[in-house]
Amino acid sequence: MSRRIDKSWLVFRSIENAEHDRCVDLFSRPDGSFGFEEFRRDVEDAGAWTPVAYYSVAAYSSVDDALKAAAASVAWLTEAFEGR
């Protein structure tokens, strides 16, 4: 699981790609909304997760809405779901 951008968010699912060098975290916020962030594994930083794209400006009312938005925004995510 990667680092949270905001410590008040609860990451409840982290989905990695087949190469294990990218991940998407799905999280909930204290206000009850949901969101997601994409990270990459930073080889130069001993494998630490580094944010790739900040999608957190959008707030979704359900986990399903956040997951659908993530799949539409992160190209490799659809392939990760097909592999499972």
N, C-alpha and C. Protein backbone atom coordinates (compact mmCIF):
# COMPACT_ATOMS: atom_id res chain seq x y z
N MET A 1 0.84 -1.17 0.00
CA MET A 1 0.00 0.00 0.00
C MET A 1 0.89 1.24 0.00
N SER A 2 0.48 2.22 -0.72
CA SER A 2 1.29 3.42 -0.87
C SER A 2 1.03 4.45 0.22
N ARG A 3 1.79 5.50 0.17
CA ARG A 3 1.61 6.59 1.12
C ARG A 3 0.31 7.34 0.81
N ARG A 4 -0.37 7.76 1.85
CA ARG A 4 -1.55 8.59 1.66
C ARG A 4 -1.12 10.02 1.44
N ILE A 5 -1.83 10.72 0.57
CA ILE A 5 -1.55 12.14 0.35
C ILE A 5 -1.98 12.93 1.58
N ASP A 6 -3.12 12.62 2.11
CA ASP A 6 -3.68 13.30 3.28
C ASP A 6 -3.86 12.24 4.36
N LYS A 7 -3.27 12.44 5.50
CA LYS A 7 -3.28 11.42 6.57
C LYS A 7 -4.67 11.15 7.12
N SER A 8 -5.65 12.03 6.87
CA SER A 8 -7.00 11.79 7.37
C SER A 8 -7.78 10.85 6.47
N TRP A 9 -7.25 10.52 5.29
CA TRP A 9 -7.93 9.61 4.38
C TRP A 9 -7.62 8.17 4.76
N LEU A 10 -8.60 7.32 4.65
CA LEU A 10 -8.42 5.90 4.95
C LEU A 10 -8.33 5.13 3.64
N VAL A 11 -7.14 4.62 3.33
CA VAL A 11 -6.95 3.81 2.13
C VAL A 11 -7.49 2.42 2.42
N PHE A 12 -8.49 1.99 1.64
CA PHE A 12 -9.09 0.69 1.91
C PHE A 12 -8.81 -0.32 0.81
N ARG A 13 -8.27 0.13 -0.31
CA ARG A 13 -7.88 -0.82 -1.36
C ARG A 13 -6.76 -0.21 -2.18
N SER A 14 -5.73 -0.99 -2.43
CA SER A 14 -4.62 -0.59 -3.27
C SER A 14 -4.49 -1.62 -4.38
N ILE A 15 -4.56 -1.17 -5.62
CA ILE A 15 -4.53 -2.07 -6.78
C ILE A 15 -3.24 -1.82 -7.55
N GLU A 16 -2.43 -2.86 -7.69
CA GLU A 16 -1.17 -2.73 -8.42
C GLU A 16 -1.31 -3.29 -9.83
N ASN A 17 -0.47 -2.77 -10.74
CA ASN A 17 -0.45 -3.32 -12.09
C ASN A 17 0.38 -4.60 -12.10
N ALA A 18 0.42 -5.28 -13.25
CA ALA A 18 1.10 -6.57 -13.36
C ALA A 18 2.60 -6.47 -13.07
N GLU A 19 3.20 -5.35 -13.39
CA GLU A 19 4.63 -5.16 -13.17
C GLU A 19 4.95 -4.73 -11.74
N HIS A 20 3.93 -4.44 -10.95
CA HIS A 20 4.08 -4.00 -9.56
C HIS A 20 4.88 -2.72 -9.43
N ASP A 21 4.79 -1.85 -10.45
CA ASP A 21 5.48 -0.57 -10.37
C ASP A 21 4.52 0.63 -10.40
N ARG A 22 3.24 0.35 -10.46
CA ARG A 22 2.19 1.39 -10.38
C ARG A 22 1.08 0.87 -9.49
N CYS A 23 0.41 1.78 -8.80
CA CYS A 23 -0.75 1.38 -8.03
C CYS A 23 -1.75 2.53 -7.97
N VAL A 24 -2.99 2.16 -7.72
CA VAL A 24 -4.05 3.12 -7.49
C VAL A 24 -4.61 2.81 -6.10
N ASP A 25 -4.67 3.84 -5.27
CA ASP A 25 -5.27 3.70 -3.95
C ASP A 25 -6.68 4.27 -3.98
N LEU A 26 -7.63 3.50 -3.49
CA LEU A 26 -9.00 3.98 -3.28
C LEU A 26 -9.10 4.32 -1.80
N PHE A 27 -9.66 5.48 -1.49
CA PHE A 27 -9.72 5.92 -0.11
C PHE A 27 -11.05 6.58 0.22
N SER A 28 -11.32 6.65 1.51
CA SER A 28 -12.49 7.39 1.99
C SER A 28 -11.98 8.58 2.80
N ARG A 29 -12.76 9.63 2.79
CA ARG A 29 -12.44 10.84 3.53
C ARG A 29 -13.33 10.93 4.77
N PRO A 30 -12.92 11.72 5.75
CA PRO A 30 -13.74 11.87 6.95
C PRO A 30 -15.16 12.39 6.66
N ASP A 31 -15.35 13.12 5.56
CA ASP A 31 -16.68 13.65 5.25
C ASP A 31 -17.59 12.62 4.58
N GLY A 32 -17.08 11.39 4.38
CA GLY A 32 -17.88 10.33 3.78
C GLY A 32 -17.74 10.20 2.28
N SER A 33 -16.97 11.07 1.65
CA SER A 33 -16.76 10.96 0.20
C SER A 33 -15.59 10.01 -0.07
N PHE A 34 -15.43 9.65 -1.32
CA PHE A 34 -14.40 8.70 -1.74
C PHE A 34 -13.54 9.32 -2.85
N GLY A 35 -12.35 8.78 -3.03
CA GLY A 35 -11.47 9.26 -4.07
C GLY A 35 -10.42 8.22 -4.40
N PHE A 36 -9.49 8.61 -5.27
CA PHE A 36 -8.40 7.71 -5.65
C PHE A 36 -7.17 8.51 -6.04
N GLU A 37 -6.01 7.88 -5.95
CA GLU A 37 -4.73 8.46 -6.36
C GLU A 37 -3.92 7.39 -7.07
N GLU A 38 -3.07 7.82 -7.99
CA GLU A 38 -2.17 6.89 -8.68
C GLU A 38 -0.74 7.15 -8.21
N PHE A 39 0.01 6.06 -8.00
CA PHE A 39 1.39 6.13 -7.55
C PHE A 39 2.28 5.27 -8.44
N ARG A 40 3.58 5.54 -8.42
CA ARG A 40 4.57 4.70 -9.09
C ARG A 40 5.64 4.34 -8.07
N ARG A 41 6.24 3.19 -8.28
CA ARG A 41 7.33 2.76 -7.40
C ARG A 41 8.60 3.47 -7.87
N ASP A 42 9.21 4.20 -6.96
CA ASP A 42 10.39 5.01 -7.29
C ASP A 42 11.65 4.20 -7.03
N VAL A 43 12.26 3.71 -8.09
CA VAL A 43 13.46 2.87 -7.98
C VAL A 43 14.59 3.65 -7.32
N GLU A 44 14.72 4.93 -7.64
CA GLU A 44 15.80 5.74 -7.08
C GLU A 44 15.62 6.00 -5.58
N ASP A 45 14.43 5.77 -5.07
CA ASP A 45 14.15 6.03 -3.66
C ASP A 45 13.84 4.72 -2.93
N ALA A 46 14.61 3.70 -3.21
CA ALA A 46 14.52 2.40 -2.53
C ALA A 46 13.12 1.77 -2.64
N GLY A 47 12.45 2.00 -3.75
CA GLY A 47 11.15 1.39 -3.98
C GLY A 47 9.98 2.07 -3.31
N ALA A 48 10.17 3.29 -2.82
CA ALA A 48 9.07 4.02 -2.19
C ALA A 48 8.04 4.41 -3.25
N TRP A 49 6.79 4.54 -2.82
CA TRP A 49 5.72 4.95 -3.72
C TRP A 49 5.69 6.47 -3.84
N THR A 50 5.64 6.96 -5.07
CA THR A 50 5.62 8.39 -5.35
C THR A 50 4.35 8.73 -6.12
N PRO A 51 3.66 9.80 -5.74
CA PRO A 51 2.44 10.18 -6.47
C PRO A 51 2.74 10.46 -7.95
N VAL A 52 1.87 9.96 -8.82
CA VAL A 52 1.97 10.19 -10.26
C VAL A 52 1.00 11.28 -10.68
N ALA A 53 -0.23 11.12 -10.28
CA ALA A 53 -1.28 12.05 -10.67
C ALA A 53 -2.21 12.27 -9.49
N TYR A 54 -2.59 13.50 -9.32
CA TYR A 54 -3.48 13.86 -8.21
C TYR A 54 -4.91 13.96 -8.72
N TYR A 55 -5.71 12.97 -8.38
CA TYR A 55 -7.12 12.96 -8.77
C TYR A 55 -8.00 13.33 -7.57
N SER A 56 -7.38 13.71 -6.47
CA SER A 56 -8.11 13.89 -5.23
C SER A 56 -8.98 15.14 -5.18
N VAL A 57 -8.90 16.00 -6.18
CA VAL A 57 -9.77 17.17 -6.18
C VAL A 57 -11.23 16.76 -6.37
N ALA A 58 -11.45 15.61 -6.97
CA ALA A 58 -12.81 15.11 -7.18
C ALA A 58 -13.23 14.27 -5.98
N ALA A 59 -14.47 14.43 -5.57
CA ALA A 59 -15.03 13.64 -4.48
C ALA A 59 -16.21 12.85 -5.02
N TYR A 60 -16.25 11.57 -4.74
CA TYR A 60 -17.30 10.69 -5.23
C TYR A 60 -18.17 10.23 -4.08
N SER A 61 -19.44 10.04 -4.35
CA SER A 61 -20.38 9.69 -3.28
C SER A 61 -20.37 8.21 -2.93
N SER A 62 -19.75 7.38 -3.79
CA SER A 62 -19.69 5.95 -3.50
C SER A 62 -18.36 5.37 -3.96
N VAL A 63 -18.05 4.21 -3.41
CA VAL A 63 -16.84 3.50 -3.81
C VAL A 63 -16.93 3.14 -5.29
N ASP A 64 -18.09 2.69 -5.72
CA ASP A 64 -18.27 2.32 -7.13
C ASP A 64 -18.00 3.49 -8.06
N ASP A 65 -18.48 4.68 -7.70
CA ASP A 65 -18.24 5.86 -8.53
C ASP A 65 -16.76 6.20 -8.59
N ALA A 66 -16.07 6.09 -7.47
CA ALA A 66 -14.63 6.36 -7.44
C ALA A 66 -13.88 5.33 -8.28
N LEU A 67 -14.28 4.07 -8.19
CA LEU A 67 -13.62 3.02 -8.96
C LEU A 67 -13.86 3.20 -10.46
N LYS A 68 -15.06 3.55 -10.86
CA LYS A 68 -15.36 3.80 -12.27
C LYS A 68 -14.54 4.98 -12.80
N ALA A 69 -14.44 6.04 -12.02
CA ALA A 69 -13.64 7.20 -12.42
C ALA A 69 -12.17 6.84 -12.52
N ALA A 70 -11.68 6.03 -11.60
CA ALA A 70 -10.28 5.59 -11.64
C ALA A 70 -10.02 4.78 -12.90
N ALA A 71 -10.92 3.86 -13.22
CA ALA A 71 -10.74 3.02 -14.41
C ALA A 71 -10.76 3.87 -15.69
N ALA A 72 -11.56 4.94 -15.69
CA ALA A 72 -11.63 5.81 -16.86
C ALA A 72 -10.40 6.73 -16.97
N SER A 73 -9.74 6.99 -15.84
CA SER A 73 -8.62 7.93 -15.82
C SER A 73 -7.24 7.27 -15.91
N VAL A 74 -7.13 6.05 -15.43
CA VAL A 74 -5.84 5.35 -15.36
C VAL A 74 -5.88 4.19 -16.34
N ALA A 75 -5.15 4.33 -17.43
CA ALA A 75 -5.23 3.38 -18.55
C ALA A 75 -4.97 1.94 -18.15
N TRP A 76 -3.98 1.66 -17.34
CA TRP A 76 -3.61 0.28 -17.01
C TRP A 76 -4.58 -0.38 -16.03
N LEU A 77 -5.43 0.38 -15.39
CA LEU A 77 -6.30 -0.17 -14.36
C LEU A 77 -7.30 -1.18 -14.91
N THR A 78 -7.84 -0.93 -16.09
CA THR A 78 -8.77 -1.87 -16.71
C THR A 78 -8.10 -3.23 -16.93
N GLU A 79 -6.85 -3.21 -17.39
CA GLU A 79 -6.10 -4.45 -17.60
C GLU A 79 -5.88 -5.18 -16.28
N ALA A 80 -5.66 -4.45 -15.20
CA ALA A 80 -5.46 -5.07 -13.90
C ALA A 80 -6.73 -5.81 -13.46
N PHE A 81 -7.89 -5.26 -13.75
CA PHE A 81 -9.15 -5.92 -13.38
C PHE A 81 -9.41 -7.14 -14.26
N GLU A 82 -9.03 -7.06 -15.54
CA GLU A 82 -9.24 -8.20 -16.43
C GLU A 82 -8.35 -9.37 -16.05
N GLY A 83 -7.21 -9.08 -15.46
CA GLY A 83 -6.28 -10.13 -15.06
C GLY A 83 -6.70 -10.86 -13.80
N ARG A 84 -7.68 -10.33 -13.10
CA ARG A 84 -8.12 -10.93 -11.83
C ARG A 84 -9.35 -11.76 -12.02
